[in-house]
């Protein structure tokens, strides 16, 4: 800056608790870990500022140690009262929960982005610049045919243009045995049709055989263990899930299997190869529904283990993927 003076740090508040996905209409009480993680991409815009992030306690490990966050507050009555007594330069509310929108409106700030509270309807509305994103949330046809990726929409909400910025996630892992392939096979209860059927995973394991080491998903009850497990795998096979975004954050090669959700909403940073059903005779695809009207186990079951294994072989031919031995068994399977 002129005269060698540095710009004064702005005070930024990000409200991303995880109760509603930013580009999805649904609001619930199940914390979306993937949405919290991929929201970290906007931290690239504020790395010279003082950033406070309000988050659900369950998602705290995702933000812990982040170099661009100065203060993490757990969402509870104490933190709400504290924030209402502070002054910020900018409040960014990425939650559509009406109560959180009302909280964002009640905090003193010069500038606001994201979602606000409509006192007349008691519902979430958009601050200026966010109307297009809110329309995508409310209109399934707009969402189904949207070509912009999630990062572009998020940057649009804060008045910026995404230029390839990555997730901001910081971890140091102890050295441990590496596996050639990790099976990130579990999905949450919120969206069971995002899960590739367990028989397909078993068949893929048979195709791989014993020449490559396989590890079935670990860390189901410990997020730090889960991060460490993904880091221990050279290539990840994954559903459209939190683990896919962790793989991107850790710069891991991965193969992702999609069903009712939109591939084009994701940017894979040159790390992932997505698969979705081919030649599917369904005018609603991708339907984003919780139940499939055509297939018992959803359209995701139509992606074959042979297709996934063919792609894995291409990835594993690289010299850096020399074979290793060993295998872990799956834990309790949720289908």
C-alpha atoms as a PDB file:
ATOM      1  CA  UNK A   1       0.000   0.000   0.000  1.00  0.00           C
ATOM      2  CA  UNK A   2       1.063   3.634  -0.503  1.00  0.00           C
ATOM      3  CA  UNK A   3       3.739   4.739   1.937  1.00  0.00           C
ATOM      4  CA  UNK A   4       4.274   1.142   3.064  1.00  0.00           C
ATOM      5  CA  UNK A   5       1.155   1.235   5.268  1.00  0.00           C
ATOM      6  CA  UNK A   6      -0.819  -1.969   5.620  1.00  0.00           C
ATOM      7  CA  UNK A   7      -4.585  -2.008   5.319  1.00  0.00           C
ATOM      8  CA  UNK A   8      -6.375  -2.155   8.627  1.00  0.00           C
ATOM      9  CA  UNK A   9      -7.823  -5.585   9.329  1.00  0.00           C
ATOM     10  CA  UNK A  10     -11.549  -5.788   8.822  1.00  0.00           C
ATOM     11  CA  UNK A  11     -13.613  -7.673  11.389  1.00  0.00           C
ATOM     12  CA  UNK A  12     -15.529 -10.450   9.608  1.00  0.00           C
ATOM     13  CA  UNK A  13     -18.189 -12.776  11.011  1.00  0.00           C
ATOM     14  CA  UNK A  14     -19.101 -15.956   9.110  1.00  0.00           C
ATOM     15  CA  UNK A  15     -22.239 -17.756  10.259  1.00  0.00           C
ATOM     16  CA  UNK A  16     -22.042 -21.279   8.890  1.00  0.00           C
ATOM     17  CA  UNK A  17     -23.327 -23.610  11.573  1.00  0.00           C
ATOM     18  CA  UNK A  18     -24.177 -26.452   9.196  1.00  0.00           C
ATOM     19  CA  UNK A  19     -27.943 -26.749   9.727  1.00  0.00           C
ATOM     20  CA  UNK A  20     -28.841 -25.830   6.151  1.00  0.00           C
ATOM     21  CA  UNK A  21     -26.878 -26.402   2.972  1.00  0.00           C
ATOM     22  CA  UNK A  22     -26.206 -23.051   1.338  1.00  0.00           C
ATOM     23  CA  UNK A  23     -27.396 -24.070  -2.145  1.00  0.00           C
ATOM     24  CA  UNK A  24     -30.100 -26.492  -1.044  1.00  0.00           C
ATOM     25  CA  UNK A  25     -33.669 -25.782   0.037  1.00  0.00           C
ATOM     26  CA  UNK A  26     -33.776 -28.160   2.994  1.00  0.00           C
ATOM     27  CA  UNK A  27     -33.297 -26.904   6.544  1.00  0.00           C
ATOM     28  CA  UNK A  28     -32.842 -29.432   9.346  1.00  0.00           C
ATOM     29  CA  UNK A  29     -31.071 -30.257  12.567  1.00  0.00           C
ATOM     30  CA  UNK A  30     -28.502 -32.638  11.065  1.00  0.00           C
ATOM     31  CA  UNK A  31     -25.180 -30.878  10.720  1.00  0.00           C
ATOM     32  CA  UNK A  32     -23.884 -30.886   7.132  1.00  0.00           C
ATOM     33  CA  UNK A  33     -20.132 -31.378   7.575  1.00  0.00           C
ATOM     34  CA  UNK A  34     -19.452 -31.206   3.854  1.00  0.00           C
ATOM     35  CA  UNK A  35     -21.147 -27.838   3.566  1.00  0.00           C
ATOM     36  CA  UNK A  36     -19.091 -26.424   6.436  1.00  0.00           C
ATOM     37  CA  UNK A  37     -15.870 -27.671   4.847  1.00  0.00           C
ATOM     38  CA  UNK A  38     -16.528 -26.371   1.355  1.00  0.00           C
ATOM     39  CA  UNK A  39     -17.558 -22.977   2.748  1.00  0.00           C
ATOM     40  CA  UNK A  40     -13.923 -22.540   3.828  1.00  0.00           C
ATOM     41  CA  UNK A  41     -13.148 -21.601   0.218  1.00  0.00           C
ATOM     42  CA  UNK A  42     -14.328 -18.033   0.934  1.00  0.00           C
ATOM     43  CA  UNK A  43     -11.641 -17.650   3.604  1.00  0.00           C
ATOM     44  CA  UNK A  44      -9.235 -16.967   0.738  1.00  0.00           C
ATOM     45  CA  UNK A  45     -10.976 -13.589   0.418  1.00  0.00           C
ATOM     46  CA  UNK A  46     -10.424 -12.674   4.059  1.00  0.00           C
ATOM     47  CA  UNK A  47      -6.992 -14.039   4.927  1.00  0.00           C
ATOM     48  CA  UNK A  48      -5.726 -10.546   5.770  1.00  0.00           C
ATOM     49  CA  UNK A  49      -8.690  -9.870   8.074  1.00  0.00           C
ATOM     50  CA  UNK A  50      -9.825 -10.888  11.548  1.00  0.00           C
ATOM     51  CA  UNK A  51     -12.331 -13.696  10.996  1.00  0.00           C
ATOM     52  CA  UNK A  52     -14.797 -15.112  13.522  1.00  0.00           C
ATOM     53  CA  UNK A  53     -16.718 -18.251  12.535  1.00  0.00           C
ATOM     54  CA  UNK A  54     -19.910 -19.400  14.286  1.00  0.00           C
ATOM     55  CA  UNK A  55     -20.340 -23.174  13.943  1.00  0.00           C
ATOM     56  CA  UNK A  56     -22.114 -26.172  15.450  1.00  0.00           C
ATOM     57  CA  UNK A  57     -20.005 -28.025  17.998  1.00  0.00           C
ATOM     58  CA  UNK A  58     -20.117 -31.258  15.979  1.00  0.00           C
ATOM     59  CA  UNK A  59     -18.397 -29.521  13.053  1.00  0.00           C
ATOM     60  CA  UNK A  60     -15.681 -27.863  15.151  1.00  0.00           C
ATOM     61  CA  UNK A  61     -12.904 -30.315  14.104  1.00  0.00           C
ATOM     62  CA  UNK A  62     -13.311 -29.187  10.481  1.00  0.00           C
ATOM     63  CA  UNK A  63     -12.258 -25.636  11.367  1.00  0.00           C
ATOM     64  CA  UNK A  64      -9.743 -26.380  14.110  1.00  0.00           C
ATOM     65  CA  UNK A  65      -6.256 -25.110  13.242  1.00  0.00           C
ATOM     66  CA  UNK A  66      -7.452 -23.146  10.213  1.00  0.00           C
ATOM     67  CA  UNK A  67      -4.829 -20.454   9.522  1.00  0.00           C
ATOM     68  CA  UNK A  68      -7.394 -17.914   8.283  1.00  0.00           C
ATOM     69  CA  UNK A  69      -9.793 -18.130  11.240  1.00  0.00           C
ATOM     70  CA  UNK A  70      -8.889 -16.061  14.288  1.00  0.00           C
ATOM     71  CA  UNK A  71     -11.770 -17.130  16.497  1.00  0.00           C
ATOM     72  CA  UNK A  72     -14.193 -20.061  16.411  1.00  0.00           C
ATOM     73  CA  UNK A  73     -17.409 -19.726  18.413  1.00  0.00           C
ATOM     74  CA  UNK A  74     -19.706 -22.649  19.161  1.00  0.00           C
ATOM     75  CA  UNK A  75     -23.343 -21.856  18.495  1.00  0.00           C
ATOM     76  CA  UNK A  76     -25.073 -21.524  21.881  1.00  0.00           C
ATOM     77  CA  UNK A  77     -26.780 -18.867  23.970  1.00  0.00           C
ATOM     78  CA  UNK A  78     -23.504 -17.495  25.338  1.00  0.00           C
ATOM     79  CA  UNK A  79     -21.968 -16.969  21.890  1.00  0.00           C
ATOM     80  CA  UNK A  80     -25.199 -15.411  20.586  1.00  0.00           C
ATOM     81  CA  UNK A  81     -25.254 -12.852  23.397  1.00  0.00           C
ATOM     82  CA  UNK A  82     -21.573 -12.104  22.851  1.00  0.00           C
ATOM     83  CA  UNK A  83     -21.984 -11.524  19.113  1.00  0.00           C
ATOM     84  CA  UNK A  84     -24.969  -9.259  19.652  1.00  0.00           C
ATOM     85  CA  UNK A  85     -22.759  -7.046  21.838  1.00  0.00           C
ATOM     86  CA  UNK A  86     -19.958  -6.751  19.242  1.00  0.00           C
ATOM     87  CA  UNK A  87     -19.410  -4.610  16.138  1.00  0.00           C
ATOM     88  CA  UNK A  88     -18.302  -6.136  12.822  1.00  0.00           C
ATOM     89  CA  UNK A  89     -17.346  -4.719   9.463  1.00  0.00           C
ATOM     90  CA  UNK A  90     -19.033  -7.579   7.602  1.00  0.00           C
ATOM     91  CA  UNK A  91     -21.487 -10.314   8.585  1.00  0.00           C
ATOM     92  CA  UNK A  92     -21.798 -13.253   6.177  1.00  0.00           C
ATOM     93  CA  UNK A  93     -24.768 -15.461   7.032  1.00  0.00           C
ATOM     94  CA  UNK A  94     -24.862 -18.661   4.979  1.00  0.00           C
ATOM     95  CA  UNK A  95     -27.658 -20.316   6.961  1.00  0.00           C
ATOM     96  CA  UNK A  96     -31.310 -20.252   5.916  1.00  0.00           C
ATOM     97  CA  UNK A  97     -32.568 -21.216   9.385  1.00  0.00           C
ATOM     98  CA  UNK A  98     -34.941 -18.330  10.264  1.00  0.00           C
ATOM     99  CA  UNK A  99     -33.557 -17.977  13.793  1.00  0.00           C
ATOM    100  CA  UNK A 100     -29.998 -17.709  12.510  1.00  0.00           C
ATOM    101  CA  UNK A 101     -31.123 -15.178   9.909  1.00  0.00           C
ATOM    102  CA  UNK A 102     -32.695 -13.127  12.706  1.00  0.00           C
ATOM    103  CA  UNK A 103     -29.454 -13.398  14.675  1.00  0.00           C
ATOM    104  CA  UNK A 104     -27.423 -12.166  11.687  1.00  0.00           C
ATOM    105  CA  UNK A 105     -29.746  -9.168  11.325  1.00  0.00           C
ATOM    106  CA  UNK A 106     -29.411  -8.321  15.019  1.00  0.00           C
ATOM    107  CA  UNK A 107     -25.604  -8.102  14.969  1.00  0.00           C
ATOM    108  CA  UNK A 108     -24.134  -4.658  14.405  1.00  0.00           C
ATOM    109  CA  UNK A 109     -22.262  -4.512  11.078  1.00  0.00           C
ATOM    110  CA  UNK A 110     -21.499  -2.116   8.221  1.00  0.00           C
ATOM    111  CA  UNK A 111     -22.036  -4.717   5.500  1.00  0.00           C
ATOM    112  CA  UNK A 112     -24.054  -7.930   5.189  1.00  0.00           C
ATOM    113  CA  UNK A 113     -24.039 -10.850   2.745  1.00  0.00           C
ATOM    114  CA  UNK A 114     -26.079 -14.022   2.415  1.00  0.00           C
ATOM    115  CA  UNK A 115     -29.452 -14.575   4.019  1.00  0.00           C
ATOM    116  CA  UNK A 116     -31.590 -12.265   6.161  1.00  0.00           C
ATOM    117  CA  UNK A 117     -34.828 -12.589   8.137  1.00  0.00           C
ATOM    118  CA  UNK A 118     -38.116 -11.434   6.641  1.00  0.00           C
ATOM    119  CA  UNK A 119     -40.153 -10.085   9.562  1.00  0.00           C
ATOM    120  CA  UNK A 120     -43.389 -10.293   7.588  1.00  0.00           C
ATOM    121  CA  UNK A 121     -43.154 -13.961   6.606  1.00  0.00           C
ATOM    122  CA  UNK A 122     -40.846 -15.307   9.312  1.00  0.00           C
ATOM    123  CA  UNK A 123     -38.691 -16.922   6.606  1.00  0.00           C
ATOM    124  CA  UNK A 124     -35.200 -16.549   5.162  1.00  0.00           C
ATOM    125  CA  UNK A 125     -34.744 -13.985   2.425  1.00  0.00           C
ATOM    126  CA  UNK A 126     -31.735 -12.735   0.501  1.00  0.00           C
ATOM    127  CA  UNK A 127     -29.510  -9.743   1.048  1.00  0.00           C
ATOM    128  CA  UNK A 128     -28.758  -7.819  -2.133  1.00  0.00           C
ATOM    129  CA  UNK A 129     -26.692  -9.961  -4.507  1.00  0.00           C
ATOM    130  CA  UNK A 130     -27.952 -13.281  -3.168  1.00  0.00           C
ATOM    131  CA  UNK A 131     -31.330 -13.398  -4.898  1.00  0.00           C
ATOM    132  CA  UNK A 132     -30.100 -15.698  -7.672  1.00  0.00           C
ATOM    133  CA  UNK A 133     -28.694 -18.199  -5.196  1.00  0.00           C
ATOM    134  CA  UNK A 134     -31.920 -18.213  -3.200  1.00  0.00           C
ATOM    135  CA  UNK A 135     -33.868 -18.922  -6.403  1.00  0.00           C
ATOM    136  CA  UNK A 136     -31.646 -21.940  -7.041  1.00  0.00           C
ATOM    137  CA  UNK A 137     -32.472 -23.190  -3.545  1.00  0.00           C
ATOM    138  CA  UNK A 138     -36.214 -22.796  -3.999  1.00  0.00           C
ATOM    139  CA  UNK A 139     -36.577 -23.923  -7.604  1.00  0.00           C
ATOM    140  CA  UNK A 140     -35.555 -27.516  -8.251  1.00  0.00           C
ATOM    141  CA  UNK A 141     -35.534 -26.950 -12.013  1.00  0.00           C
ATOM    142  CA  UNK A 142     -33.103 -24.039 -11.626  1.00  0.00           C
ATOM    143  CA  UNK A 143     -30.861 -26.224  -9.487  1.00  0.00           C
ATOM    144  CA  UNK A 144     -31.044 -29.214 -11.836  1.00  0.00           C
ATOM    145  CA  UNK A 145     -29.977 -27.171 -14.865  1.00  0.00           C
ATOM    146  CA  UNK A 146     -27.512 -24.843 -13.162  1.00  0.00           C
ATOM    147  CA  UNK A 147     -24.051 -25.100 -14.711  1.00  0.00           C
ATOM    148  CA  UNK A 148     -22.126 -22.927 -12.244  1.00  0.00           C
ATOM    149  CA  UNK A 149     -20.289 -24.852  -9.552  1.00  0.00           C
ATOM    150  CA  UNK A 150     -20.852 -24.390  -5.825  1.00  0.00           C
ATOM    151  CA  UNK A 151     -17.749 -22.230  -5.363  1.00  0.00           C
ATOM    152  CA  UNK A 152     -18.936 -19.770  -8.005  1.00  0.00           C
ATOM    153  CA  UNK A 153     -22.285 -19.390  -6.262  1.00  0.00           C
ATOM    154  CA  UNK A 154     -20.673 -18.855  -2.887  1.00  0.00           C
ATOM    155  CA  UNK A 155     -18.321 -16.157  -4.166  1.00  0.00           C
ATOM    156  CA  UNK A 156     -21.245 -14.514  -5.948  1.00  0.00           C
ATOM    157  CA  UNK A 157     -23.029 -14.232  -2.598  1.00  0.00           C
ATOM    158  CA  UNK A 158     -20.233 -12.117  -1.133  1.00  0.00           C
ATOM    159  CA  UNK A 159     -19.788  -9.948  -4.231  1.00  0.00           C
ATOM    160  CA  UNK A 160     -16.653 -11.633  -5.553  1.00  0.00           C
ATOM    161  CA  UNK A 161     -15.635 -13.837  -8.482  1.00  0.00           C
ATOM    162  CA  UNK A 162     -14.257 -17.304  -7.889  1.00  0.00           C
ATOM    163  CA  UNK A 163     -10.894 -17.849  -9.617  1.00  0.00           C
ATOM    164  CA  UNK A 164     -10.076 -21.411  -8.652  1.00  0.00           C
ATOM    165  CA  UNK A 165      -9.499 -20.864  -4.935  1.00  0.00           C
ATOM    166  CA  UNK A 166      -9.349 -24.083  -2.912  1.00  0.00           C
ATOM    167  CA  UNK A 167     -10.734 -25.221   0.419  1.00  0.00           C
ATOM    168  CA  UNK A 168      -8.753 -24.032   3.447  1.00  0.00           C
ATOM    169  CA  UNK A 169      -8.076 -27.011   5.708  1.00  0.00           C
ATOM    170  CA  UNK A 170      -5.003 -27.581   7.856  1.00  0.00           C
ATOM    171  CA  UNK A 171      -3.839 -30.814   9.450  1.00  0.00           C
ATOM    172  CA  UNK A 172      -0.559 -32.538  10.307  1.00  0.00           C
ATOM    173  CA  UNK A 173      -0.757 -36.304  10.396  1.00  0.00           C
ATOM    174  CA  UNK A 174       1.551 -38.850  12.028  1.00  0.00           C
ATOM    175  CA  UNK A 175       3.287 -41.269   9.715  1.00  0.00           C
ATOM    176  CA  UNK A 176       1.359 -44.493   9.324  1.00  0.00           C
ATOM    177  CA  UNK A 177       0.910 -47.341   6.887  1.00  0.00           C
ATOM    178  CA  UNK A 178      -0.545 -46.261   3.555  1.00  0.00           C
ATOM    179  CA  UNK A 179      -3.255 -48.152   1.711  1.00  0.00           C
ATOM    180  CA  UNK A 180      -3.589 -48.163  -2.048  1.00  0.00           C
ATOM    181  CA  UNK A 181      -7.372 -47.767  -2.063  1.00  0.00           C
ATOM    182  CA  UNK A 182      -9.825 -46.489   0.527  1.00  0.00           C
ATOM    183  CA  UNK A 183     -13.506 -47.406   0.401  1.00  0.00           C
ATOM    184  CA  UNK A 184     -15.458 -44.386   1.674  1.00  0.00           C
ATOM    185  CA  UNK A 185     -18.678 -46.375   1.507  1.00  0.00           C
ATOM    186  CA  UNK A 186     -20.922 -44.932   4.214  1.00  0.00           C
ATOM    187  CA  UNK A 187     -23.439 -42.113   3.796  1.00  0.00           C
ATOM    188  CA  UNK A 188     -25.492 -40.270   6.364  1.00  0.00           C
ATOM    189  CA  UNK A 189     -29.109 -41.006   7.226  1.00  0.00           C
ATOM    190  CA  UNK A 190     -30.187 -37.740   5.591  1.00  0.00           C
ATOM    191  CA  UNK A 191     -29.744 -39.011   2.012  1.00  0.00           C
ATOM    192  CA  UNK A 192     -29.447 -42.822   1.757  1.00  0.00           C
ATOM    193  CA  UNK A 193     -29.780 -42.848  -2.054  1.00  0.00           C
ATOM    194  CA  UNK A 194     -26.370 -41.173  -2.279  1.00  0.00           C
ATOM    195  CA  UNK A 195     -24.860 -44.488  -1.163  1.00  0.00           C
ATOM    196  CA  UNK A 196     -23.570 -47.032  -3.691  1.00  0.00           C
ATOM    197  CA  UNK A 197     -25.061 -50.434  -2.706  1.00  0.00           C
ATOM    198  CA  UNK A 198     -22.871 -52.586  -0.465  1.00  0.00           C
ATOM    199  CA  UNK A 199     -22.942 -55.471  -2.968  1.00  0.00           C
ATOM    200  CA  UNK A 200     -21.248 -53.181  -5.496  1.00  0.00           C
ATOM    201  CA  UNK A 201     -18.505 -52.400  -2.999  1.00  0.00           C
ATOM    202  CA  UNK A 202     -18.044 -56.129  -2.328  1.00  0.00           C
ATOM    203  CA  UNK A 203     -17.828 -56.841  -6.050  1.00  0.00           C
ATOM    204  CA  UNK A 204     -15.263 -54.047  -6.475  1.00  0.00           C
ATOM    205  CA  UNK A 205     -13.190 -55.611  -3.720  1.00  0.00           C
ATOM    206  CA  UNK A 206     -13.259 -58.918  -5.601  1.00  0.00           C
ATOM    207  CA  UNK A 207     -12.165 -57.249  -8.836  1.00  0.00           C
ATOM    208  CA  UNK A 208      -9.223 -55.567  -7.146  1.00  0.00           C
ATOM    209  CA  UNK A 209      -8.071 -58.851  -5.653  1.00  0.00           C
ATOM    210  CA  UNK A 210      -5.069 -59.143  -3.358  1.00  0.00           C
ATOM    211  CA  UNK A 211      -2.433 -57.261  -5.363  1.00  0.00           C
ATOM    212  CA  UNK A 212      -3.592 -53.911  -4.006  1.00  0.00           C
ATOM    213  CA  UNK A 213      -4.239 -53.031  -0.386  1.00  0.00           C
ATOM    214  CA  UNK A 214      -7.749 -51.913   0.500  1.00  0.00           C
ATOM    215  CA  UNK A 215      -9.012 -50.144   3.584  1.00  0.00           C
ATOM    216  CA  UNK A 216     -12.706 -49.880   4.391  1.00  0.00           C
ATOM    217  CA  UNK A 217     -13.866 -46.625   5.938  1.00  0.00           C
ATOM    218  CA  UNK A 218     -12.618 -45.880   9.438  1.00  0.00           C
ATOM    219  CA  UNK A 219     -13.314 -43.092  11.911  1.00  0.00           C
ATOM    220  CA  UNK A 220     -17.102 -43.312  11.900  1.00  0.00           C
ATOM    221  CA  UNK A 221     -17.245 -42.053  15.484  1.00  0.00           C
ATOM    222  CA  UNK A 222     -14.181 -39.806  15.544  1.00  0.00           C
ATOM    223  CA  UNK A 223     -13.732 -37.064  12.968  1.00  0.00           C
ATOM    224  CA  UNK A 224      -9.995 -36.653  13.564  1.00  0.00           C
ATOM    225  CA  UNK A 225      -9.544 -40.387  13.036  1.00  0.00           C
ATOM    226  CA  UNK A 226     -11.602 -40.081   9.858  1.00  0.00           C
ATOM    227  CA  UNK A 227      -9.322 -37.327   8.510  1.00  0.00           C
ATOM    228  CA  UNK A 228      -6.283 -39.445   9.320  1.00  0.00           C
ATOM    229  CA  UNK A 229      -7.776 -42.481   7.600  1.00  0.00           C
ATOM    230  CA  UNK A 230      -8.476 -40.584   4.363  1.00  0.00           C
ATOM    231  CA  UNK A 231      -4.943 -39.225   4.461  1.00  0.00           C
ATOM    232  CA  UNK A 232      -3.618 -42.795   4.768  1.00  0.00           C
ATOM    233  CA  UNK A 233      -5.203 -43.847   1.443  1.00  0.00           C
ATOM    234  CA  UNK A 234      -3.505 -43.197  -1.863  1.00  0.00           C
ATOM    235  CA  UNK A 235      -6.762 -43.199  -3.845  1.00  0.00           C
ATOM    236  CA  UNK A 236     -10.267 -42.897  -2.427  1.00  0.00           C
ATOM    237  CA  UNK A 237     -13.429 -44.418  -3.859  1.00  0.00           C
ATOM    238  CA  UNK A 238     -16.286 -42.410  -2.448  1.00  0.00           C
ATOM    239  CA  UNK A 239     -19.947 -41.517  -2.611  1.00  0.00           C
ATOM    240  CA  UNK A 240     -20.967 -37.867  -2.971  1.00  0.00           C
ATOM    241  CA  UNK A 241     -20.289 -37.220   0.702  1.00  0.00           C
ATOM    242  CA  UNK A 242     -18.236 -35.398   3.297  1.00  0.00           C
ATOM    243  CA  UNK A 243     -15.328 -37.740   2.601  1.00  0.00           C
ATOM    244  CA  UNK A 244     -15.186 -36.604  -1.027  1.00  0.00           C
ATOM    245  CA  UNK A 245     -14.667 -33.015   0.114  1.00  0.00           C
ATOM    246  CA  UNK A 246     -12.038 -34.090   2.654  1.00  0.00           C
ATOM    247  CA  UNK A 247     -10.194 -35.852  -0.172  1.00  0.00           C
ATOM    248  CA  UNK A 248     -10.184 -32.593  -2.132  1.00  0.00           C
ATOM    249  CA  UNK A 249      -9.008 -30.632   0.906  1.00  0.00           C
ATOM    250  CA  UNK A 250      -6.150 -33.117   1.395  1.00  0.00           C
ATOM    251  CA  UNK A 251      -5.368 -33.118  -2.355  1.00  0.00           C
ATOM    252  CA  UNK A 252      -6.043 -36.833  -2.713  1.00  0.00           C
ATOM    253  CA  UNK A 253      -6.905 -38.541  -5.971  1.00  0.00           C
ATOM    254  CA  UNK A 254     -10.402 -40.003  -5.827  1.00  0.00           C
ATOM    255  CA  UNK A 255     -13.191 -41.621  -7.806  1.00  0.00           C
ATOM    256  CA  UNK A 256     -16.656 -40.373  -6.812  1.00  0.00           C
ATOM    257  CA  UNK A 257     -19.951 -42.139  -7.499  1.00  0.00           C
ATOM    258  CA  UNK A 258     -23.047 -39.985  -7.981  1.00  0.00           C
ATOM    259  CA  UNK A 259     -26.727 -40.829  -8.119  1.00  0.00           C
ATOM    260  CA  UNK A 260     -29.527 -38.316  -7.497  1.00  0.00           C
ATOM    261  CA  UNK A 261     -27.253 -35.319  -6.914  1.00  0.00           C
ATOM    262  CA  UNK A 262     -25.722 -32.901  -9.382  1.00  0.00           C
ATOM    263  CA  UNK A 263     -22.141 -33.519 -10.546  1.00  0.00           C
ATOM    264  CA  UNK A 264     -21.891 -30.080 -12.171  1.00  0.00           C
ATOM    265  CA  UNK A 265     -22.382 -28.401  -8.804  1.00  0.00           C
ATOM    266  CA  UNK A 266     -18.939 -29.688  -7.813  1.00  0.00           C
ATOM    267  CA  UNK A 267     -15.502 -28.578  -8.930  1.00  0.00           C
ATOM    268  CA  UNK A 268     -12.963 -31.354  -8.408  1.00  0.00           C
ATOM    269  CA  UNK A 269      -9.715 -29.361  -8.710  1.00  0.00           C
ATOM    270  CA  UNK A 270      -8.258 -31.937 -11.102  1.00  0.00           C
ATOM    271  CA  UNK A 271      -8.252 -34.564  -8.340  1.00  0.00           C
ATOM    272  CA  UNK A 272     -11.511 -36.441  -8.812  1.00  0.00           C
ATOM    273  CA  UNK A 273     -13.144 -38.541 -11.505  1.00  0.00           C
ATOM    274  CA  UNK A 274     -16.932 -38.548 -11.107  1.00  0.00           C
ATOM    275  CA  UNK A 275     -19.237 -41.324 -12.288  1.00  0.00           C
ATOM    276  CA  UNK A 276     -22.995 -41.174 -12.733  1.00  0.00           C
ATOM    277  CA  UNK A 277     -25.525 -43.516 -14.412  1.00  0.00           C
ATOM    278  CA  UNK A 278     -25.228 -43.580 -18.218  1.00  0.00           C
ATOM    279  CA  UNK A 279     -28.096 -43.622 -20.706  1.00  0.00           C
ATOM    280  CA  UNK A 280     -30.606 -43.291 -17.894  1.00  0.00           C
ATOM    281  CA  UNK A 281     -34.199 -42.997 -19.121  1.00  0.00           C
ATOM    282  CA  UNK A 282     -35.340 -40.575 -16.423  1.00  0.00           C
ATOM    283  CA  UNK A 283     -36.540 -37.079 -17.231  1.00  0.00           C
ATOM    284  CA  UNK A 284     -35.943 -35.943 -13.642  1.00  0.00           C
ATOM    285  CA  UNK A 285     -32.247 -36.918 -13.439  1.00  0.00           C
ATOM    286  CA  UNK A 286     -30.606 -35.710 -11.295  1.00  0.00           C
ATOM    287  CA  UNK A 287     -33.788 -35.659  -9.220  1.00  0.00           C
ATOM    288  CA  UNK A 288     -32.366 -34.779  -5.776  1.00  0.00           C
ATOM    289  CA  UNK A 289     -35.097 -36.947  -4.263  1.00  0.00           C
ATOM    290  CA  UNK A 290     -34.833 -39.095  -1.126  1.00  0.00           C
ATOM    291  CA  UNK A 291     -36.729 -41.991  -2.759  1.00  0.00           C
ATOM    292  CA  UNK A 292     -36.329 -43.346  -6.291  1.00  0.00           C
ATOM    293  CA  UNK A 293     -39.421 -43.998  -8.429  1.00  0.00           C
ATOM    294  CA  UNK A 294     -37.584 -46.303 -10.859  1.00  0.00           C
ATOM    295  CA  UNK A 295     -35.015 -48.383  -9.003  1.00  0.00           C
ATOM    296  CA  UNK A 296     -35.167 -50.089  -5.616  1.00  0.00           C
ATOM    297  CA  UNK A 297     -31.676 -48.966  -4.646  1.00  0.00           C
ATOM    298  CA  UNK A 298     -31.613 -45.792  -6.688  1.00  0.00           C
ATOM    299  CA  UNK A 299     -30.009 -44.954  -9.998  1.00  0.00           C
ATOM    300  CA  UNK A 300     -26.571 -44.894  -8.355  1.00  0.00           C
ATOM    301  CA  UNK A 301     -26.668 -48.721  -8.387  1.00  0.00           C
ATOM    302  CA  UNK A 302     -26.412 -48.636 -12.203  1.00  0.00           C
ATOM    303  CA  UNK A 303     -22.761 -47.544 -12.060  1.00  0.00           C
ATOM    304  CA  UNK A 304     -20.932 -50.853 -12.214  1.00  0.00           C
ATOM    305  CA  UNK A 305     -17.943 -52.001 -10.143  1.00  0.00           C
ATOM    306  CA  UNK A 306     -16.215 -52.812 -13.451  1.00  0.00           C
ATOM    307  CA  UNK A 307     -16.393 -49.142 -14.495  1.00  0.00           C
ATOM    308  CA  UNK A 308     -14.892 -48.023 -11.191  1.00  0.00           C
ATOM    309  CA  UNK A 309     -12.140 -50.651 -11.302  1.00  0.00           C
ATOM    310  CA  UNK A 310     -11.152 -49.636 -14.839  1.00  0.00           C
ATOM    311  CA  UNK A 311     -10.633 -46.064 -13.667  1.00  0.00           C
ATOM    312  CA  UNK A 312      -8.769 -47.171 -10.539  1.00  0.00           C
ATOM    313  CA  UNK A 313      -6.350 -49.200 -12.637  1.00  0.00           C
ATOM    314  CA  UNK A 314      -5.515 -46.115 -14.675  1.00  0.00           C
ATOM    315  CA  UNK A 315      -4.837 -44.089 -11.536  1.00  0.00           C
ATOM    316  CA  UNK A 316      -2.795 -46.835  -9.878  1.00  0.00           C
ATOM    317  CA  UNK A 317      -0.539 -47.381 -12.894  1.00  0.00           C
ATOM    318  CA  UNK A 318       1.348 -44.238 -11.910  1.00  0.00           C
ATOM    319  CA  UNK A 319       4.788 -44.991 -10.439  1.00  0.00           C
ATOM    320  CA  UNK A 320       3.965 -43.248  -7.177  1.00  0.00           C
ATOM    321  CA  UNK A 321       1.234 -45.827  -6.573  1.00  0.00           C
ATOM    322  CA  UNK A 322       3.464 -48.866  -6.088  1.00  0.00           C
ATOM    323  CA  UNK A 323       1.441 -51.808  -4.721  1.00  0.00           C
ATOM    324  CA  UNK A 324       1.194 -52.473  -0.999  1.00  0.00           C
ATOM    325  CA  UNK A 325      -0.245 -55.454   0.826  1.00  0.00           C
ATOM    326  CA  UNK A 326      -2.850 -55.569   3.549  1.00  0.00           C
ATOM    327  CA  UNK A 327      -6.561 -55.066   3.955  1.00  0.00           C
ATOM    328  CA  UNK A 328      -9.053 -53.846   6.501  1.00  0.00           C
ATOM    329  CA  UNK A 329     -12.595 -55.124   6.826  1.00  0.00           C
ATOM    330  CA  UNK A 330     -15.682 -52.941   6.725  1.00  0.00           C
ATOM    331  CA  UNK A 331     -17.309 -51.947   9.958  1.00  0.00           C
ATOM    332  CA  UNK A 332     -21.027 -52.140  10.589  1.00  0.00           C
ATOM    333  CA  UNK A 333     -22.696 -51.472   7.253  1.00  0.00           C
ATOM    334  CA  UNK A 334     -25.529 -48.947   7.101  1.00  0.00           C
ATOM    335  CA  UNK A 335     -27.697 -49.330   4.013  1.00  0.00           C
END
